[in-house]
Amino acid sequence: MADLTPTPDRPGLHVSKPSPNAPATGSAVCHCGASATATGDGQVRLLVEGWTANHGPAHRNGGRS
């Protein structure tokens, strides 16, 4: 399986939850240089919300929703 972890050369967001009982994990790297990781369902949810609001999609439309 390919490594889907984001890097500065391949920015993005990756979330994994291998089973319903395992904690989610997530990592994000933005082309602006920001990066973050999270462990646990709640923390990963916050990571995704922050990425969506401030990086990734936010950069594509100039920060406007």
PDB file of N, CA and C in Angstrom:
ATOM      1  N   MET A   1       0.834  -1.175   0.000  1.00  0.00           N
ATOM      2  CA  MET A   1       0.000   0.000   0.000  1.00  0.00           C
ATOM      3  C   MET A   1       0.881   1.242   0.000  1.00  0.00           C
ATOM      4  N   ALA A   2       0.487   2.249  -0.714  1.00  0.00           N
ATOM      5  CA  ALA A   2       1.248   3.493  -0.808  1.00  0.00           C
ATOM      6  C   ALA A   2       1.181   4.258   0.513  1.00  0.00           C
ATOM      7  N   ASP A   3       2.251   4.970   0.817  1.00  0.00           N
ATOM      8  CA  ASP A   3       2.275   5.829   1.996  1.00  0.00           C
ATOM      9  C   ASP A   3       1.478   7.091   1.680  1.00  0.00           C
ATOM     10  N   LEU A   4       0.395   7.324   2.409  1.00  0.00           N
ATOM     11  CA  LEU A   4      -0.478   8.458   2.156  1.00  0.00           C
ATOM     12  C   LEU A   4      -0.217   9.630   3.100  1.00  0.00           C
ATOM     13  N   THR A   5       0.837   9.542   3.901  1.00  0.00           N
ATOM     14  CA  THR A   5       1.166  10.607   4.835  1.00  0.00           C
ATOM     15  C   THR A   5       1.563  11.865   4.068  1.00  0.00           C
ATOM     16  N   PRO A   6       0.944  13.008   4.377  1.00  0.00           N
ATOM     17  CA  PRO A   6       1.299  14.239   3.677  1.00  0.00           C
ATOM     18  C   PRO A   6       2.726  14.673   3.994  1.00  0.00           C
ATOM     19  N   THR A   7       3.358  15.312   3.047  1.00  0.00           N
ATOM     20  CA  THR A   7       4.709  15.851   3.186  1.00  0.00           C
ATOM     21  C   THR A   7       4.729  17.240   2.571  1.00  0.00           C
ATOM     22  N   PRO A   8       5.781  18.028   2.792  1.00  0.00           N
ATOM     23  CA  PRO A   8       5.865  19.329   2.137  1.00  0.00           C
ATOM     24  C   PRO A   8       5.817  19.220   0.602  1.00  0.00           C
ATOM     25  N   ASP A   9       6.319  18.120   0.055  1.00  0.00           N
ATOM     26  CA  ASP A   9       6.268  17.918  -1.402  1.00  0.00           C
ATOM     27  C   ASP A   9       4.896  17.430  -1.864  1.00  0.00           C
ATOM     28  N   ARG A  10       4.135  16.815  -0.958  1.00  0.00           N
ATOM     29  CA  ARG A  10       2.782  16.318  -1.259  1.00  0.00           C
ATOM     30  C   ARG A  10       1.861  16.732  -0.121  1.00  0.00           C
ATOM     31  N   PRO A  11       1.503  18.038  -0.054  1.00  0.00           N
ATOM     32  CA  PRO A  11       0.663  18.499   1.049  1.00  0.00           C
ATOM     33  C   PRO A  11      -0.725  17.866   1.009  1.00  0.00           C
ATOM     34  N   GLY A  12      -1.348  17.811   2.148  1.00  0.00           N
ATOM     35  CA  GLY A  12      -2.697  17.270   2.218  1.00  0.00           C
ATOM     36  C   GLY A  12      -3.065  16.886   3.632  1.00  0.00           C
ATOM     37  N   LEU A  13      -4.154  16.169   3.732  1.00  0.00           N
ATOM     38  CA  LEU A  13      -4.701  15.733   5.009  1.00  0.00           C
ATOM     39  C   LEU A  13      -4.899  14.227   4.940  1.00  0.00           C
ATOM     40  N   HIS A  14      -4.461  13.516   5.970  1.00  0.00           N
ATOM     41  CA  HIS A  14      -4.642  12.064   6.018  1.00  0.00           C
ATOM     42  C   HIS A  14      -5.222  11.690   7.367  1.00  0.00           C
ATOM     43  N   VAL A  15      -6.305  10.950   7.356  1.00  0.00           N
ATOM     44  CA  VAL A  15      -6.962  10.481   8.575  1.00  0.00           C
ATOM     45  C   VAL A  15      -7.094   8.972   8.489  1.00  0.00           C
ATOM     46  N   SER A  16      -6.844   8.297   9.615  1.00  0.00           N
ATOM     47  CA  SER A  16      -6.948   6.844   9.651  1.00  0.00           C
ATOM     48  C   SER A  16      -7.661   6.425  10.934  1.00  0.00           C
ATOM     49  N   LYS A  17      -8.510   5.424  10.812  1.00  0.00           N
ATOM     50  CA  LYS A  17      -9.174   4.796  11.960  1.00  0.00           C
ATOM     51  C   LYS A  17      -9.322   3.320  11.600  1.00  0.00           C
ATOM     52  N   PRO A  18      -8.317   2.514  11.949  1.00  0.00           N
ATOM     53  CA  PRO A  18      -8.277   1.132  11.485  1.00  0.00           C
ATOM     54  C   PRO A  18      -9.421   0.244  11.964  1.00  0.00           C
ATOM     55  N   SER A  19     -10.032   0.590  13.096  1.00  0.00           N
ATOM     56  CA  SER A  19     -11.177  -0.195  13.576  1.00  0.00           C
ATOM     57  C   SER A  19     -12.050   0.716  14.428  1.00  0.00           C
ATOM     58  N   PRO A  20     -13.311   0.335  14.639  1.00  0.00           N
ATOM     59  CA  PRO A  20     -14.206   1.169  15.432  1.00  0.00           C
ATOM     60  C   PRO A  20     -13.704   1.422  16.863  1.00  0.00           C
ATOM     61  N   ASN A  21     -12.926   0.496  17.404  1.00  0.00           N
ATOM     62  CA  ASN A  21     -12.441   0.635  18.776  1.00  0.00           C
ATOM     63  C   ASN A  21     -11.085   1.313  18.879  1.00  0.00           C
ATOM     64  N   ALA A  22     -10.405   1.535  17.776  1.00  0.00           N
ATOM     65  CA  ALA A  22      -9.093   2.171  17.778  1.00  0.00           C
ATOM     66  C   ALA A  22      -9.246   3.686  17.671  1.00  0.00           C
ATOM     67  N   PRO A  23      -8.340   4.431  18.294  1.00  0.00           N
ATOM     68  CA  PRO A  23      -8.418   5.888  18.154  1.00  0.00           C
ATOM     69  C   PRO A  23      -8.030   6.311  16.737  1.00  0.00           C
ATOM     70  N   ALA A  24      -8.666   7.352  16.269  1.00  0.00           N
ATOM     71  CA  ALA A  24      -8.314   7.921  14.971  1.00  0.00           C
ATOM     72  C   ALA A  24      -6.959   8.608  15.094  1.00  0.00           C
ATOM     73  N   THR A  25      -6.237   8.666  13.980  1.00  0.00           N
ATOM     74  CA  THR A  25      -5.009   9.443  13.894  1.00  0.00           C
ATOM     75  C   THR A  25      -5.099  10.304  12.647  1.00  0.00           C
ATOM     76  N   GLY A  26      -4.442  11.442  12.670  1.00  0.00           N
ATOM     77  CA  GLY A  26      -4.475  12.312  11.513  1.00  0.00           C
ATOM     78  C   GLY A  26      -3.198  13.116  11.404  1.00  0.00           C
ATOM     79  N   SER A  27      -2.882  13.497  10.183  1.00  0.00           N
ATOM     80  CA  SER A  27      -1.749  14.386   9.938  1.00  0.00           C
ATOM     81  C   SER A  27      -2.102  15.295   8.771  1.00  0.00           C
ATOM     82  N   ALA A  28      -1.566  16.503   8.828  1.00  0.00           N
ATOM     83  CA  ALA A  28      -1.824  17.482   7.784  1.00  0.00           C
ATOM     84  C   ALA A  28      -0.562  18.276   7.530  1.00  0.00           C
ATOM     85  N   VAL A  29      -0.310  18.568   6.258  1.00  0.00           N
ATOM     86  CA  VAL A  29       0.781  19.440   5.855  1.00  0.00           C
ATOM     87  C   VAL A  29       0.222  20.340   4.763  1.00  0.00           C
ATOM     88  N   CYS A  30       0.380  21.644   4.940  1.00  0.00           N
ATOM     89  CA  CYS A  30      -0.119  22.607   3.961  1.00  0.00           C
ATOM     90  C   CYS A  30       1.035  23.149   3.132  1.00  0.00           C
ATOM     91  N   HIS A  31       0.739  23.583   1.924  1.00  0.00           N
ATOM     92  CA  HIS A  31       1.784  24.155   1.071  1.00  0.00           C
ATOM     93  C   HIS A  31       2.310  25.468   1.640  1.00  0.00           C
ATOM     94  N   CYS A  32       1.597  26.082   2.616  1.00  0.00           N
ATOM     95  CA  CYS A  32       2.075  27.313   3.249  1.00  0.00           C
ATOM     96  C   CYS A  32       3.134  27.020   4.315  1.00  0.00           C
ATOM     97  N   GLY A  33       3.340  25.729   4.627  1.00  0.00           N
ATOM     98  CA  GLY A  33       4.352  25.345   5.600  1.00  0.00           C
ATOM     99  C   GLY A  33       3.800  24.854   6.924  1.00  0.00           C
ATOM    100  N   ALA A  34       2.516  25.061   7.180  1.00  0.00           N
ATOM    101  CA  ALA A  34       1.922  24.597   8.427  1.00  0.00           C
ATOM    102  C   ALA A  34       1.800  23.079   8.422  1.00  0.00           C
ATOM    103  N   SER A  35       1.955  22.470   9.597  1.00  0.00           N
ATOM    104  CA  SER A  35       1.769  21.026   9.717  1.00  0.00           C
ATOM    105  C   SER A  35       1.235  20.715  11.103  1.00  0.00           C
ATOM    106  N   ALA A  36       0.538  19.592  11.228  1.00  0.00           N
ATOM    107  CA  ALA A  36      -0.026  19.186  12.511  1.00  0.00           C
ATOM    108  C   ALA A  36      -0.322  17.699  12.488  1.00  0.00           C
ATOM    109  N   THR A  37      -0.344  17.105  13.683  1.00  0.00           N
ATOM    110  CA  THR A  37      -0.764  15.719  13.843  1.00  0.00           C
ATOM    111  C   THR A  37      -1.744  15.665  14.998  1.00  0.00           C
ATOM    112  N   ALA A  38      -2.554  14.618  15.028  1.00  0.00           N
ATOM    113  CA  ALA A  38      -3.527  14.450  16.101  1.00  0.00           C
ATOM    114  C   ALA A  38      -3.782  12.973  16.330  1.00  0.00           C
ATOM    115  N   THR A  39      -4.093  12.637  17.574  1.00  0.00           N
ATOM    116  CA  THR A  39      -4.472  11.278  17.949  1.00  0.00           C
ATOM    117  C   THR A  39      -5.717  11.354  18.815  1.00  0.00           C
ATOM    118  N   GLY A  40      -6.672  10.501  18.515  1.00  0.00           N
ATOM    119  CA  GLY A  40      -7.934  10.488  19.238  1.00  0.00           C
ATOM    120  C   GLY A  40      -9.022  11.104  18.386  1.00  0.00           C
ATOM    121  N   ASP A  41     -10.208  10.545  18.471  1.00  0.00           N
ATOM    122  CA  ASP A  41     -11.293  10.969  17.601  1.00  0.00           C
ATOM    123  C   ASP A  41     -11.588  12.464  17.700  1.00  0.00           C
ATOM    124  N   GLY A  42     -11.661  13.004  18.908  1.00  0.00           N
ATOM    125  CA  GLY A  42     -11.959  14.424  19.079  1.00  0.00           C
ATOM    126  C   GLY A  42     -10.869  15.319  18.542  1.00  0.00           C
ATOM    127  N   GLN A  43      -9.618  14.959  18.808  1.00  0.00           N
ATOM    128  CA  GLN A  43      -8.501  15.768  18.329  1.00  0.00           C
ATOM    129  C   GLN A  43      -8.400  15.721  16.804  1.00  0.00           C
ATOM    130  N   VAL A  44      -8.657  14.555  16.223  1.00  0.00           N
ATOM    131  CA  VAL A  44      -8.617  14.441  14.763  1.00  0.00           C
ATOM    132  C   VAL A  44      -9.749  15.262  14.153  1.00  0.00           C
ATOM    133  N   ARG A  45     -10.911  15.245  14.768  1.00  0.00           N
ATOM    134  CA  ARG A  45     -12.036  16.066  14.285  1.00  0.00           C
ATOM    135  C   ARG A  45     -11.623  17.539  14.264  1.00  0.00           C
ATOM    136  N   LEU A  46     -10.960  18.015  15.330  1.00  0.00           N
ATOM    137  CA  LEU A  46     -10.497  19.402  15.376  1.00  0.00           C
ATOM    138  C   LEU A  46      -9.436  19.679  14.317  1.00  0.00           C
ATOM    139  N   LEU A  47      -8.549  18.712  14.081  1.00  0.00           N
ATOM    140  CA  LEU A  47      -7.545  18.861  13.032  1.00  0.00           C
ATOM    141  C   LEU A  47      -8.203  19.048  11.674  1.00  0.00           C
ATOM    142  N   VAL A  48      -9.199  18.227  11.367  1.00  0.00           N
ATOM    143  CA  VAL A  48      -9.900  18.322  10.086  1.00  0.00           C
ATOM    144  C   VAL A  48     -10.625  19.663   9.973  1.00  0.00           C
ATOM    145  N   GLU A  49     -11.292  20.084  11.041  1.00  0.00           N
ATOM    146  CA  GLU A  49     -11.997  21.367  11.014  1.00  0.00           C
ATOM    147  C   GLU A  49     -11.023  22.528  10.804  1.00  0.00           C
ATOM    148  N   GLY A  50      -9.891  22.494  11.494  1.00  0.00           N
ATOM    149  CA  GLY A  50      -8.881  23.545  11.333  1.00  0.00           C
ATOM    150  C   GLY A  50      -8.282  23.563   9.944  1.00  0.00           C
ATOM    151  N   TRP A  51      -8.008  22.380   9.399  1.00  0.00           N
ATOM    152  CA  TRP A  51      -7.466  22.270   8.046  1.00  0.00           C
ATOM    153  C   TRP A  51      -8.446  22.858   7.036  1.00  0.00           C
ATOM    154  N   THR A  52      -9.707  22.506   7.173  1.00  0.00           N
ATOM    155  CA  THR A  52     -10.722  22.963   6.237  1.00  0.00           C
ATOM    156  C   THR A  52     -10.910  24.478   6.329  1.00  0.00           C
ATOM    157  N   ALA A  53     -10.886  25.013   7.529  1.00  0.00           N
ATOM    158  CA  ALA A  53     -11.120  26.449   7.720  1.00  0.00           C
ATOM    159  C   ALA A  53      -9.912  27.311   7.366  1.00  0.00           C
ATOM    160  N   ASN A  54      -8.689  26.789   7.569  1.00  0.00           N
ATOM    161  CA  ASN A  54      -7.509  27.641   7.479  1.00  0.00           C
ATOM    162  C   ASN A  54      -6.457  27.228   6.456  1.00  0.00           C
ATOM    163  N   HIS A  55      -6.563  26.044   5.922  1.00  0.00           N
ATOM    164  CA  HIS A  55      -5.550  25.549   4.990  1.00  0.00           C
ATOM    165  C   HIS A  55      -6.258  24.869   3.828  1.00  0.00           C
ATOM    166  N   GLY A  56      -5.589  24.025   3.096  1.00  0.00           N
ATOM    167  CA  GLY A  56      -6.215  23.281   2.004  1.00  0.00           C
ATOM    168  C   GLY A  56      -7.250  24.083   1.231  1.00  0.00           C
ATOM    169  N   PRO A  57      -8.541  23.804   1.440  1.00  0.00           N
ATOM    170  CA  PRO A  57      -9.593  24.476   0.692  1.00  0.00           C
ATOM    171  C   PRO A  57      -9.602  25.996   0.900  1.00  0.00           C
ATOM    172  N   ALA A  58      -9.230  26.457   2.091  1.00  0.00           N
ATOM    173  CA  ALA A  58      -9.250  27.897   2.372  1.00  0.00           C
ATOM    174  C   ALA A  58      -8.242  28.634   1.492  1.00  0.00           C
ATOM    175  N   HIS A  59      -7.112  28.014   1.207  1.00  0.00           N
ATOM    176  CA  HIS A  59      -6.106  28.658   0.365  1.00  0.00           C
ATOM    177  C   HIS A  59      -6.550  28.709  -1.092  1.00  0.00           C
ATOM    178  N   ARG A  60      -7.328  27.750  -1.519  1.00  0.00           N
ATOM    179  CA  ARG A  60      -7.736  27.700  -2.927  1.00  0.00           C
ATOM    180  C   ARG A  60      -8.713  28.810  -3.302  1.00  0.00           C
ATOM    181  N   ASN A  61      -9.503  29.291  -2.311  1.00  0.00           N
ATOM    182  CA  ASN A  61     -10.460  30.327  -2.649  1.00  0.00           C
ATOM    183  C   ASN A  61     -10.157  31.654  -1.947  1.00  0.00           C
ATOM    184  N   GLY A  62      -8.899  31.845  -1.586  1.00  0.00           N
ATOM    185  CA  GLY A  62      -8.499  33.100  -0.967  1.00  0.00           C
ATOM    186  C   GLY A  62      -8.995  33.279   0.452  1.00  0.00           C
ATOM    187  N   GLY A  63      -9.378  32.175   1.115  1.00  0.00           N
ATOM    188  CA  GLY A  63      -9.821  32.237   2.481  1.00  0.00           C
ATOM    189  C   GLY A  63     -11.310  32.491   2.635  1.00  0.00           C
ATOM    190  N   ARG A  64     -12.034  32.641   1.541  1.00  0.00           N
ATOM    191  CA  ARG A  64     -13.482  32.868   1.617  1.00  0.00           C
ATOM    192  C   ARG A  64     -14.196  31.535   1.590  1.00  0.00           C
ATOM    193  N   SER A  65     -15.243  31.419   2.362  1.00  0.00           N
ATOM    194  CA  SER A  65     -16.034  30.187   2.394  1.00  0.00           C
ATOM    195  C   SER A  65     -16.970  30.107   1.223  1.00  0.00           C
TER     196      SER A  65
END
